[in-house]
Amino acid sequence: MFRIALVDDSVPVRSALRELLEDEGFEIAGEAGTGAEGLELIQAESPDAVVLDLAMPGLDGLRAIPKIRELAPDVKIVVLSLAGRSLQVDALEAGAHAYFGKGEPMQHVVVGLRSVLQDG
């Protein structure tokens, strides 16, 4: 069972993701509402992957990606954001393993997570 950290400033998004991912057999390692809280969560819980929003107050997701890579190099980073496709290349270049827009079907995130975790 893969353990996932959810880092998004939207409580409804985190709740929906938690429900979907738990239904799909993932374990939720914890939730955070900012990039800084996400770093603390990753350090404390050592999840297999993090689902990360880009647009958050304080330390945003794009600036958090390299810090996550440094703190936990084996953690897979899947970005789920409304920030738009213009930041997709920036997120992937910063070290994210996959990028999904919040307008896409949530099932795409599940498939993407499985792919990243199983295939790298």
PDB file of N, CA and C in Angstrom:
ATOM      1  N   MET A   1       0.842  -1.176   0.000  1.00  0.00           N
ATOM      2  CA  MET A   1       0.000   0.000   0.000  1.00  0.00           C
ATOM      3  C   MET A   1       0.892   1.246   0.000  1.00  0.00           C
ATOM      4  N   PHE A   2       0.642   2.143  -0.927  1.00  0.00           N
ATOM      5  CA  PHE A   2       1.412   3.378  -1.020  1.00  0.00           C
ATOM      6  C   PHE A   2       0.834   4.444  -0.095  1.00  0.00           C
ATOM      7  N   ARG A   3       1.728   5.198   0.542  1.00  0.00           N
ATOM      8  CA  ARG A   3       1.338   6.270   1.457  1.00  0.00           C
ATOM      9  C   ARG A   3       1.501   7.610   0.739  1.00  0.00           C
ATOM     10  N   ILE A   4       0.441   8.429   0.793  1.00  0.00           N
ATOM     11  CA  ILE A   4       0.397   9.681   0.048  1.00  0.00           C
ATOM     12  C   ILE A   4       0.193  10.853   1.000  1.00  0.00           C
ATOM     13  N   ALA A   5       0.957  11.925   0.803  1.00  0.00           N
ATOM     14  CA  ALA A   5       0.748  13.185   1.515  1.00  0.00           C
ATOM     15  C   ALA A   5      -0.016  14.128   0.588  1.00  0.00           C
ATOM     16  N   LEU A   6      -1.001  14.811   1.126  1.00  0.00           N
ATOM     17  CA  LEU A   6      -1.801  15.762   0.352  1.00  0.00           C
ATOM     18  C   LEU A   6      -1.439  17.173   0.798  1.00  0.00           C
ATOM     19  N   VAL A   7      -0.950  17.996  -0.132  1.00  0.00           N
ATOM     20  CA  VAL A   7      -0.544  19.355   0.194  1.00  0.00           C
ATOM     21  C   VAL A   7      -1.274  20.312  -0.749  1.00  0.00           C
ATOM     22  N   ASP A   8      -2.312  20.939  -0.208  1.00  0.00           N
ATOM     23  CA  ASP A   8      -3.162  21.840  -0.976  1.00  0.00           C
ATOM     24  C   ASP A   8      -3.855  22.767   0.012  1.00  0.00           C
ATOM     25  N   ASP A   9      -3.952  24.047  -0.315  1.00  0.00           N
ATOM     26  CA  ASP A   9      -4.579  24.983   0.618  1.00  0.00           C
ATOM     27  C   ASP A   9      -6.102  24.895   0.620  1.00  0.00           C
ATOM     28  N   SER A  10      -6.682  24.127  -0.275  1.00  0.00           N
ATOM     29  CA  SER A  10      -8.131  23.957  -0.339  1.00  0.00           C
ATOM     30  C   SER A  10      -8.562  22.709   0.433  1.00  0.00           C
ATOM     31  N   VAL A  11      -9.272  22.924   1.531  1.00  0.00           N
ATOM     32  CA  VAL A  11      -9.762  21.794   2.328  1.00  0.00           C
ATOM     33  C   VAL A  11     -10.703  20.909   1.515  1.00  0.00           C
ATOM     34  N   PRO A  12     -11.640  21.476   0.721  1.00  0.00           N
ATOM     35  CA  PRO A  12     -12.507  20.604  -0.082  1.00  0.00           C
ATOM     36  C   PRO A  12     -11.734  19.736  -1.083  1.00  0.00           C
ATOM     37  N   VAL A  13     -10.681  20.284  -1.678  1.00  0.00           N
ATOM     38  CA  VAL A  13      -9.873  19.495  -2.620  1.00  0.00           C
ATOM     39  C   VAL A  13      -9.180  18.360  -1.869  1.00  0.00           C
ATOM     40  N   ARG A  14      -8.585  18.679  -0.724  1.00  0.00           N
ATOM     41  CA  ARG A  14      -7.919  17.632   0.063  1.00  0.00           C
ATOM     42  C   ARG A  14      -8.906  16.550   0.489  1.00  0.00           C
ATOM     43  N   SER A  15     -10.099  16.961   0.913  1.00  0.00           N
ATOM     44  CA  SER A  15     -11.109  15.981   1.338  1.00  0.00           C
ATOM     45  C   SER A  15     -11.525  15.067   0.189  1.00  0.00           C
ATOM     46  N   ALA A  16     -11.744  15.660  -0.978  1.00  0.00           N
ATOM     47  CA  ALA A  16     -12.131  14.865  -2.149  1.00  0.00           C
ATOM     48  C   ALA A  16     -11.010  13.907  -2.545  1.00  0.00           C
ATOM     49  N   LEU A  17      -9.777  14.399  -2.517  1.00  0.00           N
ATOM     50  CA  LEU A  17      -8.638  13.542  -2.849  1.00  0.00           C
ATOM     51  C   LEU A  17      -8.488  12.414  -1.836  1.00  0.00           C
ATOM     52  N   ARG A  18      -8.619  12.743  -0.555  1.00  0.00           N
ATOM     53  CA  ARG A  18      -8.512  11.722   0.497  1.00  0.00           C
ATOM     54  C   ARG A  18      -9.519  10.602   0.242  1.00  0.00           C
ATOM     55  N   GLU A  19     -10.764  10.981   0.015  1.00  0.00           N
ATOM     56  CA  GLU A  19     -11.816   9.979  -0.199  1.00  0.00           C
ATOM     57  C   GLU A  19     -11.523   9.126  -1.428  1.00  0.00           C
ATOM     58  N   LEU A  20     -11.173   9.777  -2.534  1.00  0.00           N
ATOM     59  CA  LEU A  20     -10.899   9.048  -3.772  1.00  0.00           C
ATOM     60  C   LEU A  20      -9.702   8.111  -3.616  1.00  0.00           C
ATOM     61  N   LEU A  21      -8.618   8.621  -3.063  1.00  0.00           N
ATOM     62  CA  LEU A  21      -7.404   7.813  -2.954  1.00  0.00           C
ATOM     63  C   LEU A  21      -7.580   6.665  -1.965  1.00  0.00           C
ATOM     64  N   GLU A  22      -8.269   6.905  -0.855  1.00  0.00           N
ATOM     65  CA  GLU A  22      -8.527   5.811   0.084  1.00  0.00           C
ATOM     66  C   GLU A  22      -9.409   4.740  -0.559  1.00  0.00           C
ATOM     67  N   ASP A  23     -10.403   5.169  -1.343  1.00  0.00           N
ATOM     68  CA  ASP A  23     -11.253   4.206  -2.060  1.00  0.00           C
ATOM     69  C   ASP A  23     -10.441   3.377  -3.055  1.00  0.00           C
ATOM     70  N   GLU A  24      -9.353   3.959  -3.567  1.00  0.00           N
ATOM     71  CA  GLU A  24      -8.501   3.281  -4.545  1.00  0.00           C
ATOM     72  C   GLU A  24      -7.378   2.475  -3.894  1.00  0.00           C
ATOM     73  N   GLY A  25      -7.362   2.409  -2.550  1.00  0.00           N
ATOM     74  CA  GLY A  25      -6.396   1.575  -1.858  1.00  0.00           C
ATOM     75  C   GLY A  25      -5.130   2.265  -1.397  1.00  0.00           C
ATOM     76  N   PHE A  26      -5.065   3.579  -1.543  1.00  0.00           N
ATOM     77  CA  PHE A  26      -3.914   4.321  -1.041  1.00  0.00           C
ATOM     78  C   PHE A  26      -4.130   4.651   0.435  1.00  0.00           C
ATOM     79  N   GLU A  27      -3.043   4.807   1.166  1.00  0.00           N
ATOM     80  CA  GLU A  27      -3.108   5.274   2.549  1.00  0.00           C
ATOM     81  C   GLU A  27      -2.703   6.745   2.561  1.00  0.00           C
ATOM     82  N   ILE A  28      -3.454   7.575   3.258  1.00  0.00           N
ATOM     83  CA  ILE A  28      -3.117   8.987   3.350  1.00  0.00           C
ATOM     84  C   ILE A  28      -2.210   9.183   4.557  1.00  0.00           C
ATOM     85  N   ALA A  29      -0.983   9.634   4.300  1.00  0.00           N
ATOM     86  CA  ALA A  29       0.007   9.839   5.355  1.00  0.00           C
ATOM     87  C   ALA A  29      -0.283  11.103   6.147  1.00  0.00           C
ATOM     88  N   GLY A  30      -1.016  12.037   5.559  1.00  0.00           N
ATOM     89  CA  GLY A  30      -1.369  13.280   6.226  1.00  0.00           C
ATOM     90  C   GLY A  30      -1.708  14.352   5.215  1.00  0.00           C
ATOM     91  N   GLU A  31      -2.160  15.490   5.745  1.00  0.00           N
ATOM     92  CA  GLU A  31      -2.556  16.614   4.912  1.00  0.00           C
ATOM     93  C   GLU A  31      -1.890  17.885   5.412  1.00  0.00           C
ATOM     94  N   ALA A  32      -1.630  18.811   4.483  1.00  0.00           N
ATOM     95  CA  ALA A  32      -1.058  20.108   4.822  1.00  0.00           C
ATOM     96  C   ALA A  32      -1.673  21.165   3.910  1.00  0.00           C
ATOM     97  N   GLY A  33      -1.753  22.391   4.421  1.00  0.00           N
ATOM     98  CA  GLY A  33      -2.368  23.478   3.675  1.00  0.00           C
ATOM     99  C   GLY A  33      -1.394  24.483   3.087  1.00  0.00           C
ATOM    100  N   THR A  34      -0.098  24.320   3.379  1.00  0.00           N
ATOM    101  CA  THR A  34       0.928  25.206   2.818  1.00  0.00           C
ATOM    102  C   THR A  34       2.150  24.381   2.452  1.00  0.00           C
ATOM    103  N   GLY A  35       3.020  24.978   1.654  1.00  0.00           N
ATOM    104  CA  GLY A  35       4.251  24.280   1.292  1.00  0.00           C
ATOM    105  C   GLY A  35       5.121  23.989   2.500  1.00  0.00           C
ATOM    106  N   ALA A  36       5.207  24.956   3.434  1.00  0.00           N
ATOM    107  CA  ALA A  36       6.023  24.757   4.634  1.00  0.00           C
ATOM    108  C   ALA A  36       5.474  23.617   5.486  1.00  0.00           C
ATOM    109  N   GLU A  37       4.151  23.574   5.653  1.00  0.00           N
ATOM    110  CA  GLU A  37       3.533  22.459   6.403  1.00  0.00           C
ATOM    111  C   GLU A  37       3.761  21.148   5.673  1.00  0.00           C
ATOM    112  N   GLY A  38       3.731  21.197   4.351  1.00  0.00           N
ATOM    113  CA  GLY A  38       3.974  20.001   3.553  1.00  0.00           C
ATOM    114  C   GLY A  38       5.372  19.443   3.778  1.00  0.00           C
ATOM    115  N   LEU A  39       6.369  20.325   3.844  1.00  0.00           N
ATOM    116  CA  LEU A  39       7.733  19.873   4.106  1.00  0.00           C
ATOM    117  C   LEU A  39       7.830  19.199   5.473  1.00  0.00           C
ATOM    118  N   GLU A  40       7.175  19.779   6.471  1.00  0.00           N
ATOM    119  CA  GLU A  40       7.174  19.176   7.805  1.00  0.00           C
ATOM    120  C   GLU A  40       6.504  17.805   7.776  1.00  0.00           C
ATOM    121  N   LEU A  41       5.384  17.721   7.066  1.00  0.00           N
ATOM    122  CA  LEU A  41       4.651  16.456   6.950  1.00  0.00           C
ATOM    123  C   LEU A  41       5.514  15.392   6.272  1.00  0.00           C
ATOM    124  N   ILE A  42       6.163  15.749   5.193  1.00  0.00           N
ATOM    125  CA  ILE A  42       7.012  14.799   4.462  1.00  0.00           C
ATOM    126  C   ILE A  42       8.160  14.321   5.340  1.00  0.00           C
ATOM    127  N   GLN A  43       8.762  15.239   6.077  1.00  0.00           N
ATOM    128  CA  GLN A  43       9.864  14.859   6.955  1.00  0.00           C
ATOM    129  C   GLN A  43       9.386  13.936   8.076  1.00  0.00           C
ATOM    130  N   ALA A  44       8.207  14.206   8.619  1.00  0.00           N
ATOM    131  CA  ALA A  44       7.692  13.419   9.745  1.00  0.00           C
ATOM    132  C   ALA A  44       7.147  12.057   9.319  1.00  0.00           C
ATOM    133  N   GLU A  45       6.517  11.989   8.150  1.00  0.00           N
ATOM    134  CA  GLU A  45       5.768  10.787   7.763  1.00  0.00           C
ATOM    135  C   GLU A  45       6.416   9.938   6.676  1.00  0.00           C
ATOM    136  N   SER A  46       7.410  10.458   5.971  1.00  0.00           N
ATOM    137  CA  SER A  46       8.088   9.731   4.892  1.00  0.00           C
ATOM    138  C   SER A  46       7.113   9.040   3.933  1.00  0.00           C
ATOM    139  N   PRO A  47       6.228   9.815   3.292  1.00  0.00           N
ATOM    140  CA  PRO A  47       5.292   9.193   2.347  1.00  0.00           C
ATOM    141  C   PRO A  47       6.017   8.711   1.085  1.00  0.00           C
ATOM    142  N   ASP A  48       5.325   7.891   0.317  1.00  0.00           N
ATOM    143  CA  ASP A  48       5.866   7.438  -0.964  1.00  0.00           C
ATOM    144  C   ASP A  48       5.724   8.520  -2.031  1.00  0.00           C
ATOM    145  N   ALA A  49       4.654   9.331  -1.894  1.00  0.00           N
ATOM    146  CA  ALA A  49       4.380  10.380  -2.876  1.00  0.00           C
ATOM    147  C   ALA A  49       3.648  11.528  -2.204  1.00  0.00           C
ATOM    148  N   VAL A  50       3.711  12.671  -2.862  1.00  0.00           N
ATOM    149  CA  VAL A  50       2.966  13.845  -2.423  1.00  0.00           C
ATOM    150  C   VAL A  50       2.167  14.364  -3.610  1.00  0.00           C
ATOM    151  N   VAL A  51       0.888  14.674  -3.355  1.00  0.00           N
ATOM    152  CA  VAL A  51       0.068  15.370  -4.341  1.00  0.00           C
ATOM    153  C   VAL A  51       0.114  16.831  -3.921  1.00  0.00           C
ATOM    154  N   LEU A  52       0.644  17.683  -4.782  1.00  0.00           N
ATOM    155  CA  LEU A  52       1.026  19.044  -4.426  1.00  0.00           C
ATOM    156  C   LEU A  52       0.345  20.077  -5.313  1.00  0.00           C
ATOM    157  N   ASP A  53      -0.277  21.063  -4.673  1.00  0.00           N
ATOM    158  CA  ASP A  53      -0.814  22.222  -5.379  1.00  0.00           C
ATOM    159  C   ASP A  53       0.327  23.209  -5.600  1.00  0.00           C
ATOM    160  N   LEU A  54       0.231  24.035  -6.633  1.00  0.00           N
ATOM    161  CA  LEU A  54       1.264  25.040  -6.857  1.00  0.00           C
ATOM    162  C   LEU A  54       0.921  26.372  -6.212  1.00  0.00           C
ATOM    163  N   ALA A  55      -0.341  26.791  -6.315  1.00  0.00           N
ATOM    164  CA  ALA A  55      -0.761  28.102  -5.822  1.00  0.00           C
ATOM    165  C   ALA A  55      -1.223  27.994  -4.374  1.00  0.00           C
ATOM    166  N   MET A  56      -0.289  28.274  -3.451  1.00  0.00           N
ATOM    167  CA  MET A  56      -0.599  28.238  -2.020  1.00  0.00           C
ATOM    168  C   MET A  56       0.047  29.450  -1.368  1.00  0.00           C
ATOM    169  N   PRO A  57      -0.496  29.883  -0.230  1.00  0.00           N
ATOM    170  CA  PRO A  57       0.115  31.017   0.467  1.00  0.00           C
ATOM    171  C   PRO A  57       1.485  30.639   1.049  1.00  0.00           C
ATOM    172  N   GLY A  58       2.319  31.644   1.223  1.00  0.00           N
ATOM    173  CA  GLY A  58       3.652  31.388   1.783  1.00  0.00           C
ATOM    174  C   GLY A  58       4.517  30.669   0.766  1.00  0.00           C
ATOM    175  N   LEU A  59       5.084  29.551   1.176  1.00  0.00           N
ATOM    176  CA  LEU A  59       5.905  28.737   0.289  1.00  0.00           C
ATOM    177  C   LEU A  59       4.995  28.020  -0.701  1.00  0.00           C
ATOM    178  N   ASP A  60       4.992  28.480  -1.948  1.00  0.00           N
ATOM    179  CA  ASP A  60       4.101  27.849  -2.934  1.00  0.00           C
ATOM    180  C   ASP A  60       4.688  26.521  -3.410  1.00  0.00           C
ATOM    181  N   GLY A  61       3.875  25.779  -4.123  1.00  0.00           N
ATOM    182  CA  GLY A  61       4.287  24.448  -4.557  1.00  0.00           C
ATOM    183  C   GLY A  61       5.485  24.446  -5.477  1.00  0.00           C
ATOM    184  N   LEU A  62       5.556  25.429  -6.368  1.00  0.00           N
ATOM    185  CA  LEU A  62       6.677  25.465  -7.310  1.00  0.00           C
ATOM    186  C   LEU A  62       8.002  25.654  -6.569  1.00  0.00           C
ATOM    187  N   ARG A  63       8.012  26.492  -5.545  1.00  0.00           N
ATOM    188  CA  ARG A  63       9.236  26.686  -4.757  1.00  0.00           C
ATOM    189  C   ARG A  63       9.468  25.535  -3.785  1.00  0.00           C
ATOM    190  N   ALA A  64       8.403  24.803  -3.449  1.00  0.00           N
ATOM    191  CA  ALA A  64       8.536  23.668  -2.535  1.00  0.00           C
ATOM    192  C   ALA A  64       9.145  22.443  -3.219  1.00  0.00           C
ATOM    193  N   ILE A  65       8.935  22.298  -4.529  1.00  0.00           N
ATOM    194  CA  ILE A  65       9.392  21.089  -5.236  1.00  0.00           C
ATOM    195  C   ILE A  65      10.885  20.822  -5.018  1.00  0.00           C
ATOM    196  N   PRO A  66      11.778  21.789  -5.262  1.00  0.00           N
ATOM    197  CA  PRO A  66      13.197  21.480  -5.045  1.00  0.00           C
ATOM    198  C   PRO A  66      13.531  21.185  -3.585  1.00  0.00           C
ATOM    199  N   LYS A  67      12.805  21.807  -2.671  1.00  0.00           N
ATOM    200  CA  LYS A  67      13.026  21.542  -1.247  1.00  0.00           C
ATOM    201  C   LYS A  67      12.596  20.123  -0.886  1.00  0.00           C
ATOM    202  N   ILE A  68      11.489  19.668  -1.484  1.00  0.00           N
ATOM    203  CA  ILE A  68      11.037  18.289  -1.270  1.00  0.00           C
ATOM    204  C   ILE A  68      12.074  17.319  -1.831  1.00  0.00           C
ATOM    205  N   ARG A  69      12.561  17.609  -3.042  1.00  0.00           N
ATOM    206  CA  ARG A  69      13.557  16.736  -3.687  1.00  0.00           C
ATOM    207  C   ARG A  69      14.822  16.623  -2.825  1.00  0.00           C
ATOM    208  N   GLU A  70      15.201  17.740  -2.191  1.00  0.00           N
ATOM    209  CA  GLU A  70      16.384  17.746  -1.340  1.00  0.00           C
ATOM    210  C   GLU A  70      16.117  16.995  -0.034  1.00  0.00           C
ATOM    211  N   LEU A  71      14.959  17.235   0.561  1.00  0.00           N
ATOM    212  CA  LEU A  71      14.600  16.640   1.846  1.00  0.00           C
ATOM    213  C   LEU A  71      14.346  15.138   1.729  1.00  0.00           C
ATOM    214  N   ALA A  72      13.652  14.748   0.662  1.00  0.00           N
ATOM    215  CA  ALA A  72      13.236  13.349   0.490  1.00  0.00           C
ATOM    216  C   ALA A  72      13.350  12.975  -0.985  1.00  0.00           C
ATOM    217  N   PRO A  73      14.553  12.664  -1.456  1.00  0.00           N
ATOM    218  CA  PRO A  73      14.771  12.431  -2.886  1.00  0.00           C
ATOM    219  C   PRO A  73      13.954  11.293  -3.488  1.00  0.00           C
ATOM    220  N   ASP A  74      13.506  10.343  -2.676  1.00  0.00           N
ATOM    221  CA  ASP A  74      12.746   9.214  -3.211  1.00  0.00           C
ATOM    222  C   ASP A  74      11.238   9.469  -3.291  1.00  0.00           C
ATOM    223  N   VAL A  75      10.772  10.554  -2.692  1.00  0.00           N
ATOM    224  CA  VAL A  75       9.341  10.864  -2.713  1.00  0.00           C
ATOM    225  C   VAL A  75       8.950  11.306  -4.122  1.00  0.00           C
ATOM    226  N   LYS A  76       7.898  10.717  -4.644  1.00  0.00           N
ATOM    227  CA  LYS A  76       7.386  11.092  -5.962  1.00  0.00           C
ATOM    228  C   LYS A  76       6.472  12.303  -5.791  1.00  0.00           C
ATOM    229  N   ILE A  77       6.592  13.264  -6.682  1.00  0.00           N
ATOM    230  CA  ILE A  77       5.817  14.505  -6.599  1.00  0.00           C
ATOM    231  C   ILE A  77       4.855  14.568  -7.780  1.00  0.00           C
ATOM    232  N   VAL A  78       3.563  14.583  -7.457  1.00  0.00           N
ATOM    233  CA  VAL A  78       2.522  14.713  -8.466  1.00  0.00           C
ATOM    234  C   VAL A  78       1.827  16.049  -8.220  1.00  0.00           C
ATOM    235  N   VAL A  79       1.926  16.949  -9.183  1.00  0.00           N
ATOM    236  CA  VAL A  79       1.314  18.262  -9.058  1.00  0.00           C
ATOM    237  C   VAL A  79      -0.135  18.192  -9.535  1.00  0.00           C
ATOM    238  N   LEU A  80      -1.024  18.785  -8.730  1.00  0.00           N
ATOM    239  CA  LEU A  80      -2.436  18.938  -9.087  1.00  0.00           C
ATOM    240  C   LEU A  80      -2.763  20.394  -8.828  1.00  0.00           C
ATOM    241  N   SER A  81      -2.948  21.172  -9.897  1.00  0.00           N
ATOM    242  CA  SER A  81      -3.049  22.608  -9.696  1.00  0.00           C
ATOM    243  C   SER A  81      -3.986  23.286 -10.678  1.00  0.00           C
ATOM    244  N   LEU A  82      -4.540  24.403 -10.239  1.00  0.00           N
ATOM    245  CA  LEU A  82      -5.302  25.299 -11.109  1.00  0.00           C
ATOM    246  C   LEU A  82      -4.383  26.322 -11.767  1.00  0.00           C
ATOM    247  N   ALA A  83      -3.122  26.273 -11.437  1.00  0.00           N
ATOM    248  CA  ALA A  83      -2.175  27.295 -11.878  1.00  0.00           C
ATOM    249  C   ALA A  83      -2.064  27.382 -13.399  1.00  0.00           C
ATOM    250  N   GLY A  84      -2.513  26.380 -14.099  1.00  0.00           N
ATOM    251  CA  GLY A  84      -2.493  26.432 -15.550  1.00  0.00           C
ATOM    252  C   GLY A  84      -1.324  25.691 -16.156  1.00  0.00           C
ATOM    253  N   ARG A  85      -1.504  25.326 -17.388  1.00  0.00           N
ATOM    254  CA  ARG A  85      -0.489  24.549 -18.095  1.00  0.00           C
ATOM    255  C   ARG A  85       0.800  25.336 -18.304  1.00  0.00           C
ATOM    256  N   SER A  86       0.731  26.654 -18.194  1.00  0.00           N
ATOM    257  CA  SER A  86       1.954  27.444 -18.391  1.00  0.00           C
ATOM    258  C   SER A  86       3.015  27.092 -17.354  1.00  0.00           C
ATOM    259  N   LEU A  87       2.590  26.628 -16.176  1.00  0.00           N
ATOM    260  CA  LEU A  87       3.542  26.254 -15.136  1.00  0.00           C
ATOM    261  C   LEU A  87       3.911  24.770 -15.172  1.00  0.00           C
ATOM    262  N   GLN A  88       3.298  24.020 -16.066  1.00  0.00           N
ATOM    263  CA  GLN A  88       3.580  22.585 -16.137  1.00  0.00           C
ATOM    264  C   GLN A  88       5.064  22.324 -16.398  1.00  0.00           C
ATOM    265  N   VAL A  89       5.625  23.002 -17.385  1.00  0.00           N
ATOM    266  CA  VAL A  89       7.036  22.801 -17.713  1.00  0.00           C
ATOM    267  C   VAL A  89       7.905  23.209 -16.531  1.00  0.00           C
ATOM    268  N   ASP A  90       7.578  24.338 -15.892  1.00  0.00           N
ATOM    269  CA  ASP A  90       8.358  24.796 -14.734  1.00  0.00           C
ATOM    270  C   ASP A  90       8.325  23.756 -13.617  1.00  0.00           C
ATOM    271  N   ALA A  91       7.150  23.190 -13.348  1.00  0.00           N
ATOM    272  CA  ALA A  91       7.020  22.190 -12.276  1.00  0.00           C
ATOM    273  C   ALA A  91       7.816  20.930 -12.601  1.00  0.00           C
ATOM    274  N   LEU A  92       7.744  20.468 -13.833  1.00  0.00           N
ATOM    275  CA  LEU A  92       8.474  19.265 -14.225  1.00  0.00           C
ATOM    276  C   LEU A  92       9.984  19.517 -14.221  1.00  0.00           C
ATOM    277  N   GLU A  93      10.398  20.699 -14.669  1.00  0.00           N
ATOM    278  CA  GLU A  93      11.824  21.028 -14.641  1.00  0.00           C
ATOM    279  C   GLU A  93      12.344  21.162 -13.211  1.00  0.00           C
ATOM    280  N   ALA A  94      11.464  21.576 -12.282  1.00  0.00           N
ATOM    281  CA  ALA A  94      11.855  21.721 -10.880  1.00  0.00           C
ATOM    282  C   ALA A  94      11.978  20.370 -10.179  1.00  0.00           C
ATOM    283  N   GLY A  95      11.402  19.312 -10.794  1.00  0.00           N
ATOM    284  CA  GLY A  95      11.542  17.984 -10.211  1.00  0.00           C
ATOM    285  C   GLY A  95      10.261  17.214  -9.978  1.00  0.00           C
ATOM    286  N   ALA A  96       9.120  17.772 -10.389  1.00  0.00           N
ATOM    287  CA  ALA A  96       7.867  17.016 -10.274  1.00  0.00           C
ATOM    288  C   ALA A  96       7.897  15.842 -11.248  1.00  0.00           C
ATOM    289  N   HIS A  97       7.210  14.765 -10.866  1.00  0.00           N
ATOM    290  CA  HIS A  97       7.169  13.563 -11.705  1.00  0.00           C
ATOM    291  C   HIS A  97       5.968  13.545 -12.651  1.00  0.00           C
ATOM    292  N   ALA A  98       4.917  14.296 -12.301  1.00  0.00           N
ATOM    293  CA  ALA A  98       3.718  14.354 -13.139  1.00  0.00           C
ATOM    294  C   ALA A  98       2.965  15.632 -12.806  1.00  0.00           C
ATOM    295  N   TYR A  99       2.132  16.086 -13.737  1.00  0.00           N
ATOM    296  CA  TYR A  99       1.359  17.315 -13.558  1.00  0.00           C
ATOM    297  C   TYR A  99      -0.057  17.083 -14.071  1.00  0.00           C
ATOM    298  N   PHE A 100      -1.040  17.469 -13.259  1.00  0.00           N
ATOM    299  CA  PHE A 100      -2.444  17.385 -13.653  1.00  0.00           C
ATOM    300  C   PHE A 100      -3.138  18.692 -13.303  1.00  0.00           C
ATOM    301  N   GLY A 101      -4.039  19.127 -14.184  1.00  0.00           N
ATOM    302  CA  GLY A 101      -4.848  20.304 -13.896  1.00  0.00           C
ATOM    303  C   GLY A 101      -6.053  19.916 -13.068  1.00  0.00           C
ATOM    304  N   LYS A 102      -6.492  20.819 -12.202  1.00  0.00           N
ATOM    305  CA  LYS A 102      -7.640  20.529 -11.347  1.00  0.00           C
ATOM    306  C   LYS A 102      -8.935  20.378 -12.143  1.00  0.00           C
ATOM    307  N   GLY A 103      -8.941  20.815 -13.396  1.00  0.00           N
ATOM    308  CA  GLY A 103     -10.123  20.647 -14.234  1.00  0.00           C
ATOM    309  C   GLY A 103     -10.226  19.265 -14.864  1.00  0.00           C
ATOM    310  N   GLU A 104      -9.158  18.480 -14.789  1.00  0.00           N
ATOM    311  CA  GLU A 104      -9.167  17.128 -15.355  1.00  0.00           C
ATOM    312  C   GLU A 104      -9.935  16.180 -14.437  1.00  0.00           C
ATOM    313  N   PRO A 105     -10.428  15.073 -14.980  1.00  0.00           N
ATOM    314  CA  PRO A 105     -11.072  14.082 -14.108  1.00  0.00           C
ATOM    315  C   PRO A 105     -10.095  13.595 -13.036  1.00  0.00           C
ATOM    316  N   MET A 106     -10.580  13.518 -11.795  1.00  0.00           N
ATOM    317  CA  MET A 106      -9.729  13.113 -10.677  1.00  0.00           C
ATOM    318  C   MET A 106      -9.169  11.708 -10.868  1.00  0.00           C
ATOM    319  N   GLN A 107      -9.837  10.881 -11.652  1.00  0.00           N
ATOM    320  CA  GLN A 107      -9.338   9.536 -11.893  1.00  0.00           C
ATOM    321  C   GLN A 107      -7.981   9.573 -12.595  1.00  0.00           C
ATOM    322  N   HIS A 108      -7.724  10.653 -13.346  1.00  0.00           N
ATOM    323  CA  HIS A 108      -6.418  10.801 -13.996  1.00  0.00           C
ATOM    324  C   HIS A 108      -5.304  10.889 -12.954  1.00  0.00           C
ATOM    325  N   VAL A 109      -5.606  11.532 -11.832  1.00  0.00           N
ATOM    326  CA  VAL A 109      -4.609  11.647 -10.754  1.00  0.00           C
ATOM    327  C   VAL A 109      -4.298  10.260 -10.195  1.00  0.00           C
ATOM    328  N   VAL A 110      -5.340   9.449 -10.018  1.00  0.00           N
ATOM    329  CA  VAL A 110      -5.152   8.085  -9.506  1.00  0.00           C
ATOM    330  C   VAL A 110      -4.264   7.292 -10.456  1.00  0.00           C
ATOM    331  N   VAL A 111      -4.577   7.331 -11.737  1.00  0.00           N
ATOM    332  CA  VAL A 111      -3.796   6.605 -12.737  1.00  0.00           C
ATOM    333  C   VAL A 111      -2.367   7.140 -12.772  1.00  0.00           C
ATOM    334  N   GLY A 112      -2.219   8.460 -12.712  1.00  0.00           N
ATOM    335  CA  GLY A 112      -0.889   9.060 -12.714  1.00  0.00           C
ATOM    336  C   GLY A 112      -0.070   8.670 -11.495  1.00  0.00           C
ATOM    337  N   LEU A 113      -0.709   8.678 -10.330  1.00  0.00           N
ATOM    338  CA  LEU A 113      -0.016   8.267  -9.103  1.00  0.00           C
ATOM    339  C   LEU A 113       0.461   6.827  -9.199  1.00  0.00           C
ATOM    340  N   ARG A 114      -0.432   5.947  -9.630  1.00  0.00           N
ATOM    341  CA  ARG A 114      -0.049   4.535  -9.769  1.00  0.00           C
ATOM    342  C   ARG A 114       1.128   4.386 -10.726  1.00  0.00           C
ATOM    343  N   SER A 115       1.055   5.082 -11.848  1.00  0.00           N
ATOM    344  CA  SER A 115       2.105   4.985 -12.860  1.00  0.00           C
ATOM    345  C   SER A 115       3.447   5.470 -12.302  1.00  0.00           C
ATOM    346  N   VAL A 116       3.428   6.631 -11.661  1.00  0.00           N
ATOM    347  CA  VAL A 116       4.663   7.198 -11.100  1.00  0.00           C
ATOM    348  C   VAL A 116       5.227   6.291 -10.011  1.00  0.00           C
ATOM    349  N   LEU A 117       4.371   5.757  -9.160  1.00  0.00           N
ATOM    350  CA  LEU A 117       4.833   4.918  -8.047  1.00  0.00           C
ATOM    351  C   LEU A 117       5.309   3.546  -8.512  1.00  0.00           C
ATOM    352  N   GLN A 118       4.663   2.989  -9.507  1.00  0.00           N
ATOM    353  CA  GLN A 118       5.022   1.643  -9.950  1.00  0.00           C
ATOM    354  C   GLN A 118       6.112   1.638 -11.007  1.00  0.00           C
ATOM    355  N   ASP A 119       6.096   2.657 -11.870  1.00  0.00           N
ATOM    356  CA  ASP A 119       7.020   2.667 -12.995  1.00  0.00           C
ATOM    357  C   ASP A 119       8.101   3.725 -12.890  1.00  0.00           C
ATOM    358  N   GLY A 120       7.944   4.622 -11.915  1.00  0.00           N
ATOM    359  CA  GLY A 120       8.902   5.735 -11.799  1.00  0.00           C
ATOM    360  C   GLY A 120       8.532   6.836 -12.732  1.00  0.00           C
TER     361      GLY A 120
END
